[in-house]
């Protein structure tokens, strides 16, 4: 596929602008600012060209890796800074990275963002953005922003993936929260990605969308469920008044107040699994059958936060009266019958899908550092944690061995300048450059090199190169 073809087709209407919004927000009737354009369940996204954003890319001069131990297997390559919108004071947070490896062409990296301003002004300020990044490896890596698609008032974005959307060709599917509709999936056709087609889902927010056979499956948050739908489904809002109008959507179970849907994991055979949690335990469910595959797991918890809830009857957002530890992000990946779960403050957990037992990997009873994002590439498991990027070698039967780790300081050539991993939070304060690692994805360059993109929340995205023969 030639991504240039798709984007040139879409850029005929690049001067069309509209507004956008943020993620799990709390607001009594959010009031989008003038300029938002929405018609027939379509939101027009503002386009910001890459040339005006070159200052967001900070590359590090690369030298040959030094020999040594695990700390030398990761070289620091670059940082991709937060979106910069003229006249806006939003605090953007990187939420996910999707990498499209295309042989013989530049690799394309998609990065989702949402505004975190609602951390101090709950549900009152929305914003979602999608970066399209070009990556090219010649003598050295080159990273540049092709363009950014922004919605400043209506939605916030959590994840992004790509799938075939019927005869219309491929499209990007963004897990999103809508200021007026709650949980939605935003579909961006590649022939015209400035037009976000809004597909409504039951619940407050969509946390993940994944491919399940010929269909897609989305999981929604604490008041939520999971549902399968066709990639080319009509863009319509979920009808809470007459559920018969939602026949195009197959629910995994009825909408539940305490569902706590977090992620959808797909194994190498195309089978889907749903990760959910409540205060007492987490579970893994079969996405097709609804059967409980793993029960009584360590709950998926994060720092205490005040949650928000969407009321479809009024369209209002309200703040929960009590703080909860269930508001965080969590990722699950699956290989060879084992589920690897980012359980947040309960660490990295591994479970057998065959018998539901937990594989003990760490001396620490909580599975090591705070772990959120996970990614598998070959026999390596990459983890976004409270101690930065950590890479584990998968030894079989769910057993992990630490293979490489990010350190707290790198020199001007991107080489490790410390023996210690970073601590992203210290007494509630974020370490500069390492705010909150929450998502990780791996790019395989044409020459065989591996580059790891880590979403660090409000500190943007950091890029590392894996040096497998450093020792």
Protein backbone atom coordinates (compact mmCIF):
# COMPACT_ATOMS: atom_id res chain seq x y z
CA UNK A 1 0.00 0.00 0.00
CA UNK A 2 1.27 3.48 -0.78
CA UNK A 3 0.28 5.82 1.99
CA UNK A 4 1.28 8.84 -0.10
CA UNK A 5 -1.52 8.00 -2.52
CA UNK A 6 -4.09 7.99 0.25
CA UNK A 7 -2.96 11.20 1.81
CA UNK A 8 -2.71 13.13 -1.43
CA UNK A 9 -6.29 12.10 -2.13
CA UNK A 10 -7.34 13.46 1.24
CA UNK A 11 -5.42 16.72 1.01
CA UNK A 12 -7.71 18.18 -1.63
CA UNK A 13 -9.80 19.43 1.26
CA UNK A 14 -7.04 20.29 3.70
CA UNK A 15 -8.24 23.81 4.31
CA UNK A 16 -11.51 22.58 5.78
CA UNK A 17 -11.35 22.91 9.55
CA UNK A 18 -13.41 21.92 12.53
CA UNK A 19 -13.11 21.29 16.23
CA UNK A 20 -12.28 18.36 18.37
CA UNK A 21 -12.27 17.28 21.93
CA UNK A 22 -10.78 15.14 24.66
CA UNK A 23 -11.18 11.88 26.52
CA UNK A 24 -13.00 10.74 29.69
CA UNK A 25 -14.21 14.16 30.59
CA UNK A 26 -16.47 15.63 33.22
CA UNK A 27 -18.67 18.46 32.15
CA UNK A 28 -22.28 19.48 32.43
CA UNK A 29 -23.17 19.90 28.77
CA UNK A 30 -19.76 20.65 27.22
CA UNK A 31 -20.10 23.70 24.99
CA UNK A 32 -18.02 23.25 21.82
CA UNK A 33 -16.53 26.51 20.65
CA UNK A 34 -17.76 28.07 17.40
CA UNK A 35 -16.27 26.48 14.33
CA UNK A 36 -17.06 22.86 15.14
CA UNK A 37 -18.61 21.21 12.12
CA UNK A 38 -20.65 18.05 12.53
CA UNK A 39 -23.13 16.69 10.02
CA UNK A 40 -24.54 13.20 9.45
CA UNK A 41 -22.39 11.78 12.26
CA UNK A 42 -19.24 13.17 10.66
CA UNK A 43 -16.76 15.47 12.38
CA UNK A 44 -14.38 17.41 10.14
CA UNK A 45 -10.86 17.39 11.58
CA UNK A 46 -8.51 20.33 11.41
CA UNK A 47 -5.30 19.59 9.48
CA UNK A 48 -1.94 20.92 10.63
CA UNK A 49 0.86 20.36 8.14
CA UNK A 50 4.13 18.82 9.22
CA UNK A 51 6.35 21.66 8.04
CA UNK A 52 4.97 23.93 10.75
CA UNK A 53 5.72 21.31 13.43
CA UNK A 54 9.34 20.41 12.71
CA UNK A 55 10.35 21.75 16.12
CA UNK A 56 8.51 18.89 17.82
CA UNK A 57 11.11 16.33 16.67
CA UNK A 58 14.31 16.20 18.74
CA UNK A 59 16.83 13.74 17.25
CA UNK A 60 19.96 12.52 19.03
CA UNK A 61 23.20 11.95 17.16
CA UNK A 62 23.80 8.20 16.97
CA UNK A 63 27.10 6.41 17.58
CA UNK A 64 27.95 2.76 17.84
CA UNK A 65 26.64 1.16 21.00
CA UNK A 66 29.11 0.50 23.76
CA UNK A 67 29.59 -3.06 24.93
CA UNK A 68 28.28 -4.07 28.28
CA UNK A 69 25.24 -5.39 30.08
CA UNK A 70 21.48 -5.03 29.76
CA UNK A 71 21.49 -1.25 30.16
CA UNK A 72 23.44 -0.91 26.90
CA UNK A 73 20.86 -2.72 24.79
CA UNK A 74 18.76 0.43 24.45
CA UNK A 75 20.02 3.61 22.81
CA UNK A 76 18.00 6.82 23.02
CA UNK A 77 17.15 8.07 19.51
CA UNK A 78 14.55 10.85 19.61
CA UNK A 79 11.67 12.58 21.36
CA UNK A 80 8.44 13.60 19.63
CA UNK A 81 7.00 16.55 21.50
CA UNK A 82 3.37 17.41 22.19
CA UNK A 83 1.10 19.03 19.58
CA UNK A 84 1.45 22.79 19.38
CA UNK A 85 -1.74 24.64 18.50
CA UNK A 86 -1.57 28.39 18.14
CA UNK A 87 -3.61 30.13 20.79
CA UNK A 88 -4.32 26.91 22.71
CA UNK A 89 -3.11 26.02 26.21
CA UNK A 90 -4.16 22.37 26.27
CA UNK A 91 -1.93 19.89 28.07
CA UNK A 92 -1.59 17.12 25.50
CA UNK A 93 -0.90 13.56 26.57
CA UNK A 94 0.33 10.79 24.25
CA UNK A 95 -1.99 7.78 24.58
CA UNK A 96 -1.01 5.20 21.93
CA UNK A 97 1.30 4.39 19.01
CA UNK A 98 0.35 2.31 15.97
CA UNK A 99 3.14 1.37 13.55
CA UNK A 100 2.59 0.33 9.97
CA UNK A 101 5.62 -1.49 8.58
CA UNK A 102 5.60 -1.25 4.79
CA UNK A 103 8.39 -2.94 2.84
CA UNK A 104 10.16 -0.70 0.37
CA UNK A 105 8.51 2.50 1.62
CA UNK A 106 8.77 4.80 4.57
CA UNK A 107 7.24 3.31 7.68
CA UNK A 108 4.23 5.20 8.99
CA UNK A 109 3.71 5.81 12.71
CA UNK A 110 0.35 6.99 14.05
CA UNK A 111 0.26 8.63 17.49
CA UNK A 112 -2.93 9.50 19.40
CA UNK A 113 -3.20 12.31 21.94
CA UNK A 114 -5.81 13.78 24.22
CA UNK A 115 -5.91 16.90 26.31
CA UNK A 116 -5.21 16.35 29.99
CA UNK A 117 -6.41 19.75 31.04
CA UNK A 118 -9.50 18.11 32.52
CA UNK A 119 -7.24 16.69 35.22
CA UNK A 120 -7.77 20.06 36.91
CA UNK A 121 -10.94 21.07 35.09
CA UNK A 122 -12.91 17.80 34.87
CA UNK A 123 -14.72 17.28 31.57
CA UNK A 124 -14.56 20.96 30.83
CA UNK A 125 -11.89 20.99 28.16
CA UNK A 126 -11.67 18.40 25.39
CA UNK A 127 -9.11 17.75 22.71
CA UNK A 128 -7.99 14.87 20.53
CA UNK A 129 -5.17 14.70 17.98
CA UNK A 130 -3.66 12.15 15.62
CA UNK A 131 -0.11 12.51 14.32
CA UNK A 132 1.02 10.89 11.07
CA UNK A 133 4.78 10.35 11.35
CA UNK A 134 7.19 9.28 8.59
CA UNK A 135 10.11 7.07 9.64
CA UNK A 136 12.96 6.25 7.28
CA UNK A 137 16.18 4.34 7.95
CA UNK A 138 19.04 5.05 5.56
CA UNK A 139 22.43 5.63 7.18
CA UNK A 140 20.64 6.83 10.27
CA UNK A 141 16.98 7.08 11.33
CA UNK A 142 14.99 10.03 10.05
CA UNK A 143 11.69 11.02 11.66
CA UNK A 144 9.36 13.75 10.45
CA UNK A 145 5.74 14.73 10.90
CA UNK A 146 3.69 14.45 7.73
CA UNK A 147 0.59 16.05 9.24
CA UNK A 148 -1.66 16.10 12.28
CA UNK A 149 -5.44 15.77 12.46
CA UNK A 150 -7.00 17.64 15.37
CA UNK A 151 -10.40 17.98 17.02
CA UNK A 152 -10.32 20.57 19.77
CA UNK A 153 -13.82 20.38 21.22
CA UNK A 154 -15.76 17.16 20.73
CA UNK A 155 -13.55 14.09 21.17
CA UNK A 156 -10.51 12.66 22.86
CA UNK A 157 -8.58 9.70 21.49
CA UNK A 158 -7.21 6.66 23.34
CA UNK A 159 -6.04 4.17 20.69
CA UNK A 160 -5.71 3.79 16.93
CA UNK A 161 -5.61 0.81 14.56
CA UNK A 162 -6.13 0.22 10.83
CA UNK A 163 -8.47 -2.23 9.08
CA UNK A 164 -10.18 -2.84 5.76
CA UNK A 165 -13.55 -1.06 5.76
CA UNK A 166 -15.48 -2.90 3.07
CA UNK A 167 -15.16 -1.75 -0.53
CA UNK A 168 -14.22 1.71 0.66
CA UNK A 169 -10.65 0.61 1.31
CA UNK A 170 -8.71 0.82 4.52
CA UNK A 171 -9.53 3.18 7.36
CA UNK A 172 -8.12 4.20 10.71
CA UNK A 173 -10.30 3.39 13.73
CA UNK A 174 -9.79 5.54 16.81
CA UNK A 175 -11.04 4.57 20.27
CA UNK A 176 -12.67 7.75 21.48
CA UNK A 177 -14.91 9.56 23.92
CA UNK A 178 -17.41 12.08 22.57
CA UNK A 179 -18.42 15.12 24.62
CA UNK A 180 -22.07 14.71 23.68
CA UNK A 181 -22.41 10.97 22.96
CA UNK A 182 -20.05 9.16 25.34
CA UNK A 183 -18.36 6.07 23.90
CA UNK A 184 -17.69 6.21 20.15
CA UNK A 185 -15.35 4.84 17.51
CA UNK A 186 -14.07 7.45 15.05
CA UNK A 187 -13.48 5.96 11.58
CA UNK A 188 -11.14 7.89 9.28
CA UNK A 189 -11.28 6.61 5.66
CA UNK A 190 -7.79 6.74 4.16
CA UNK A 191 -9.10 8.37 0.98
CA UNK A 192 -10.36 11.30 3.08
CA UNK A 193 -9.00 11.08 6.65
CA UNK A 194 -10.14 14.58 7.56
CA UNK A 195 -13.70 13.28 7.84
CA UNK A 196 -14.15 11.33 11.10
CA UNK A 197 -17.21 9.11 10.81
CA UNK A 198 -18.69 8.62 14.30
CA UNK A 199 -19.87 5.10 15.22
CA UNK A 200 -21.68 5.08 18.55
CA UNK A 201 -21.00 2.49 21.25
CA UNK A 202 -22.77 1.76 24.55
CA UNK A 203 -20.98 3.19 27.57
CA UNK A 204 -18.87 6.14 28.63
CA UNK A 205 -15.65 5.69 26.64
CA UNK A 206 -14.11 3.29 24.13
CA UNK A 207 -10.75 2.08 25.42
CA UNK A 208 -9.67 -0.26 22.60
CA UNK A 209 -10.67 -1.47 19.13
CA UNK A 210 -9.22 -4.65 17.61
CA UNK A 211 -9.67 -6.87 14.53
CA UNK A 212 -11.65 -10.06 15.20
CA UNK A 213 -11.99 -12.08 12.01
CA UNK A 214 -13.81 -9.96 9.45
CA UNK A 215 -15.27 -7.76 12.16
CA UNK A 216 -14.01 -5.28 14.70
CA UNK A 217 -14.53 -5.50 18.45
CA UNK A 218 -14.54 -2.54 20.83
CA UNK A 219 -14.45 -2.54 24.63
CA UNK A 220 -15.94 0.27 26.70
CA UNK A 221 -15.06 1.52 30.14
CA UNK A 222 -16.24 1.13 33.72
CA UNK A 223 -19.89 1.53 32.77
CA UNK A 224 -19.59 -0.57 29.65
CA UNK A 225 -19.37 -3.84 27.78
CA UNK A 226 -17.77 -5.08 24.55
CA UNK A 227 -19.33 -5.23 21.10
CA UNK A 228 -18.54 -6.50 17.60
CA UNK A 229 -19.47 -4.66 14.41
CA UNK A 230 -18.60 -4.57 10.72
CA UNK A 231 -15.74 -2.24 9.78
CA UNK A 232 -17.97 -0.60 7.17
CA UNK A 233 -20.94 -0.21 9.53
CA UNK A 234 -23.03 2.90 9.02
CA UNK A 235 -21.96 5.86 11.11
CA UNK A 236 -24.80 6.14 13.63
CA UNK A 237 -25.09 6.97 17.30
CA UNK A 238 -26.01 4.26 19.79
CA UNK A 239 -29.75 4.38 20.49
CA UNK A 240 -30.38 4.06 24.25
CA UNK A 241 -34.13 4.67 23.84
CA UNK A 242 -34.86 1.85 21.39
CA UNK A 243 -32.28 -0.95 21.58
CA UNK A 244 -33.81 -2.60 18.52
CA UNK A 245 -32.18 0.12 16.45
CA UNK A 246 -28.74 -1.22 17.43
CA UNK A 247 -29.06 -4.58 15.64
CA UNK A 248 -25.91 -3.83 13.62
CA UNK A 249 -23.95 -4.09 16.89
CA UNK A 250 -23.56 -7.41 18.73
CA UNK A 251 -23.03 -6.94 22.47
CA UNK A 252 -20.82 -9.35 24.40
CA UNK A 253 -23.05 -8.75 27.42
CA UNK A 254 -25.56 -6.18 28.61
CA UNK A 255 -24.25 -2.76 29.58
CA UNK A 256 -23.01 -3.05 33.16
CA UNK A 257 -22.26 -0.37 35.75
CA UNK A 258 -19.20 -2.20 37.08
CA UNK A 259 -17.85 -3.80 33.91
CA UNK A 260 -14.52 -1.94 33.77
CA UNK A 261 -13.54 -2.87 30.21
CA UNK A 262 -9.87 -2.13 29.46
CA UNK A 263 -8.45 -3.89 26.42
CA UNK A 264 -8.91 -6.47 23.66
CA UNK A 265 -6.08 -8.96 23.06
CA UNK A 266 -5.88 -11.03 19.87
CA UNK A 267 -3.73 -14.18 19.79
CA UNK A 268 -1.71 -15.53 16.86
CA UNK A 269 -4.71 -17.63 15.77
CA UNK A 270 -7.07 -14.67 15.59
CA UNK A 271 -8.95 -15.45 18.82
CA UNK A 272 -10.03 -12.43 20.85
CA UNK A 273 -9.96 -11.91 24.61
CA UNK A 274 -11.47 -9.13 26.72
CA UNK A 275 -9.64 -7.68 29.74
CA UNK A 276 -11.86 -6.18 32.45
CA UNK A 277 -11.61 -5.29 36.13
CA UNK A 278 -13.46 -4.15 39.21
CA UNK A 279 -12.30 -3.37 42.75
CA UNK A 280 -11.96 -6.99 43.76
CA UNK A 281 -10.50 -8.76 40.74
CA UNK A 282 -9.74 -8.69 37.04
CA UNK A 283 -10.91 -11.22 34.46
CA UNK A 284 -10.13 -12.36 30.92
CA UNK A 285 -13.22 -13.26 28.86
CA UNK A 286 -13.53 -14.89 25.46
CA UNK A 287 -14.53 -12.12 23.05
CA UNK A 288 -16.69 -14.46 20.96
CA UNK A 289 -18.08 -16.77 23.66
CA UNK A 290 -18.16 -14.53 26.73
CA UNK A 291 -16.69 -17.44 28.68
CA UNK A 292 -14.47 -16.58 31.65
CA UNK A 293 -10.97 -17.75 30.66
CA UNK A 294 -9.08 -16.44 33.68
CA UNK A 295 -10.75 -15.45 36.95
CA UNK A 296 -9.66 -13.93 40.26
CA UNK A 297 -6.76 -12.03 38.72
CA UNK A 298 -5.03 -9.17 40.52
CA UNK A 299 -7.22 -6.09 39.93
CA UNK A 300 -5.99 -3.52 37.42
CA UNK A 301 -5.26 -0.44 39.51
CA UNK A 302 -3.62 2.96 39.13
CA UNK A 303 -3.22 6.03 41.29
CA UNK A 304 -6.39 7.33 42.94
CA UNK A 305 -8.47 9.48 40.59
CA UNK A 306 -11.97 10.90 40.45
CA UNK A 307 -13.86 9.17 37.66
CA UNK A 308 -16.44 10.62 35.32
CA UNK A 309 -19.73 9.21 34.10
CA UNK A 310 -21.84 9.91 31.03
CA UNK A 311 -25.64 10.00 31.30
CA UNK A 312 -27.16 9.20 27.87
CA UNK A 313 -30.58 10.44 28.99
CA UNK A 314 -29.34 13.99 29.57
CA UNK A 315 -26.06 14.03 27.68
CA UNK A 316 -24.39 15.33 30.85
CA UNK A 317 -21.10 14.32 32.43
CA UNK A 318 -20.90 14.00 36.18
CA UNK A 319 -18.03 13.40 38.58
CA UNK A 320 -18.08 10.40 40.88
CA UNK A 321 -18.21 11.42 44.53
CA UNK A 322 -15.40 9.08 45.57
CA UNK A 323 -11.96 8.53 44.13
CA UNK A 324 -11.18 5.20 42.49
CA UNK A 325 -8.07 3.30 41.43
CA UNK A 326 -9.84 1.86 38.39
CA UNK A 327 -9.48 4.85 36.03
CA UNK A 328 -6.09 3.92 34.51
CA UNK A 329 -5.05 2.44 31.17
CA UNK A 330 -4.09 -1.24 30.87
CA UNK A 331 -2.87 -3.34 27.93
CA UNK A 332 -2.93 -7.12 27.42
CA UNK A 333 -0.96 -9.10 24.80
CA UNK A 334 -1.16 -12.84 24.11
CA UNK A 335 1.21 -15.46 22.75
CA UNK A 336 1.39 -19.28 22.90
CA UNK A 337 -1.58 -19.57 25.23
CA UNK A 338 -0.34 -17.03 27.80
CA UNK A 339 -1.78 -13.61 28.52
CA UNK A 340 0.63 -10.85 29.57
CA UNK A 341 -1.25 -8.15 31.47
CA UNK A 342 -0.22 -4.63 32.43
CA UNK A 343 -1.94 -4.57 35.81
CA UNK A 344 -0.77 -1.06 36.71
CA UNK A 345 0.32 -0.83 40.33
CA UNK A 346 -0.07 -4.61 40.50
CA UNK A 347 2.78 -4.93 38.02
CA UNK A 348 3.26 -7.21 35.02
CA UNK A 349 1.19 -10.38 35.40
CA UNK A 350 1.22 -13.54 33.27
CA UNK A 351 -1.67 -16.01 33.12
CA UNK A 352 -2.24 -19.31 31.34
CA UNK A 353 -5.34 -19.22 29.15
CA UNK A 354 -5.51 -23.02 29.28
CA UNK A 355 -5.99 -23.48 33.03
CA UNK A 356 -6.30 -19.92 34.37
CA UNK A 357 -3.24 -20.14 36.62
CA UNK A 358 -0.76 -17.31 37.15
CA UNK A 359 2.89 -17.71 36.20
CA UNK A 360 5.16 -16.28 38.89
CA UNK A 361 8.03 -14.34 37.33
CA UNK A 362 9.19 -11.81 39.86
CA UNK A 363 10.37 -11.83 43.44
CA UNK A 364 8.20 -8.81 44.12
CA UNK A 365 4.71 -10.00 45.02
CA UNK A 366 3.23 -7.27 42.79
CA UNK A 367 4.99 -8.39 39.63
CA UNK A 368 7.62 -5.68 39.46
CA UNK A 369 7.16 -1.97 38.63
CA UNK A 370 3.89 -0.26 37.71
CA UNK A 371 3.18 -1.66 34.22
CA UNK A 372 0.66 -0.34 31.71
CA UNK A 373 1.66 -0.77 28.04
CA UNK A 374 2.86 -4.05 26.47
CA UNK A 375 3.95 -5.19 23.03
CA UNK A 376 5.33 -8.49 21.69
CA UNK A 377 7.83 -8.66 18.83
CA UNK A 378 9.32 -12.09 18.17
CA UNK A 379 10.52 -13.53 21.46
CA UNK A 380 10.75 -10.18 23.23
CA UNK A 381 8.13 -8.52 25.40
CA UNK A 382 8.33 -4.71 25.60
CA UNK A 383 6.79 -3.02 28.63
CA UNK A 384 5.98 0.63 29.40
CA UNK A 385 6.41 0.85 33.18
CA UNK A 386 6.94 3.16 36.12
CA UNK A 387 10.65 2.37 35.65
CA UNK A 388 10.60 3.38 32.00
CA UNK A 389 10.92 1.01 29.05
CA UNK A 390 11.78 -2.56 30.01
CA UNK A 391 12.36 -5.46 27.59
CA UNK A 392 11.91 -9.09 28.63
CA UNK A 393 13.03 -12.25 26.88
CA UNK A 394 10.20 -14.77 26.66
CA UNK A 395 11.66 -18.10 27.79
CA UNK A 396 8.56 -20.22 27.17
CA UNK A 397 5.59 -21.23 29.34
CA UNK A 398 5.04 -17.61 30.30
CA UNK A 399 8.44 -17.25 31.97
CA UNK A 400 10.19 -13.88 31.50
CA UNK A 401 13.77 -12.74 31.97
CA UNK A 402 14.83 -9.09 31.95
CA UNK A 403 16.71 -8.46 28.69
CA UNK A 404 17.17 -4.67 28.52
CA UNK A 405 16.07 -1.54 30.35
CA UNK A 406 15.98 2.19 29.83
CA UNK A 407 18.21 4.20 32.16
CA UNK A 408 17.55 7.55 33.80
CA UNK A 409 20.21 9.42 31.79
CA UNK A 410 21.67 9.22 28.26
CA UNK A 411 24.56 11.26 26.89
CA UNK A 412 24.53 13.52 23.82
CA UNK A 413 25.05 10.49 21.56
CA UNK A 414 22.12 8.56 22.97
CA UNK A 415 24.34 6.16 24.92
CA UNK A 416 23.51 5.03 28.47
CA UNK A 417 25.07 7.32 31.05
CA UNK A 418 23.69 5.63 34.15
CA UNK A 419 23.14 2.22 35.68
CA UNK A 420 19.74 3.09 37.13
CA UNK A 421 16.30 2.85 35.47
CA UNK A 422 14.21 6.03 35.69
CA UNK A 423 11.57 6.41 38.34
CA UNK A 424 8.76 8.18 36.53
CA UNK A 425 7.02 9.42 39.66
CA UNK A 426 8.64 10.62 42.90
CA UNK A 427 6.28 11.61 45.71
CA UNK A 428 3.60 12.48 43.20
CA UNK A 429 5.88 14.54 40.94
CA UNK A 430 6.70 13.36 37.41
CA UNK A 431 10.34 12.95 36.44
CA UNK A 432 11.08 15.35 33.54
CA UNK A 433 11.03 13.44 30.26
CA UNK A 434 9.44 10.38 31.84
CA UNK A 435 5.97 11.51 32.86
CA UNK A 436 3.96 8.29 32.64
CA UNK A 437 4.91 5.52 30.21
CA UNK A 438 1.60 4.04 29.08
CA UNK A 439 1.99 2.50 25.59
CA UNK A 440 4.75 0.86 23.57
CA UNK A 441 5.09 -0.30 19.95
CA UNK A 442 8.00 -1.65 17.86
CA UNK A 443 9.07 -0.62 14.36
CA UNK A 444 11.10 -3.08 12.29
CA UNK A 445 13.29 -1.15 9.85
CA UNK A 446 14.15 -2.58 6.43
CA UNK A 447 17.75 -3.22 7.51
CA UNK A 448 16.61 -5.32 10.49
CA UNK A 449 17.05 -2.66 13.18
CA UNK A 450 14.32 -2.34 15.79
CA UNK A 451 13.05 1.00 17.08
CA UNK A 452 10.78 1.20 20.10
CA UNK A 453 8.25 4.04 20.44
CA UNK A 454 7.07 4.70 24.00
CA UNK A 455 4.14 7.02 24.79
CA UNK A 456 5.11 9.03 27.86
CA UNK A 457 1.87 10.92 28.44
CA UNK A 458 2.44 14.65 28.80
CA UNK A 459 6.15 14.19 27.98
CA UNK A 460 5.35 13.02 24.46
CA UNK A 461 6.87 9.98 22.74
CA UNK A 462 10.43 8.74 23.20
CA UNK A 463 12.16 6.53 20.62
CA UNK A 464 14.82 3.92 21.44
CA UNK A 465 16.90 1.60 19.31
CA UNK A 466 17.39 -2.00 20.41
CA UNK A 467 21.00 -3.22 20.35
CA UNK A 468 20.65 -7.01 20.69
CA UNK A 469 24.40 -7.76 20.48
CA UNK A 470 25.54 -5.12 23.01
CA UNK A 471 27.01 -7.70 25.34
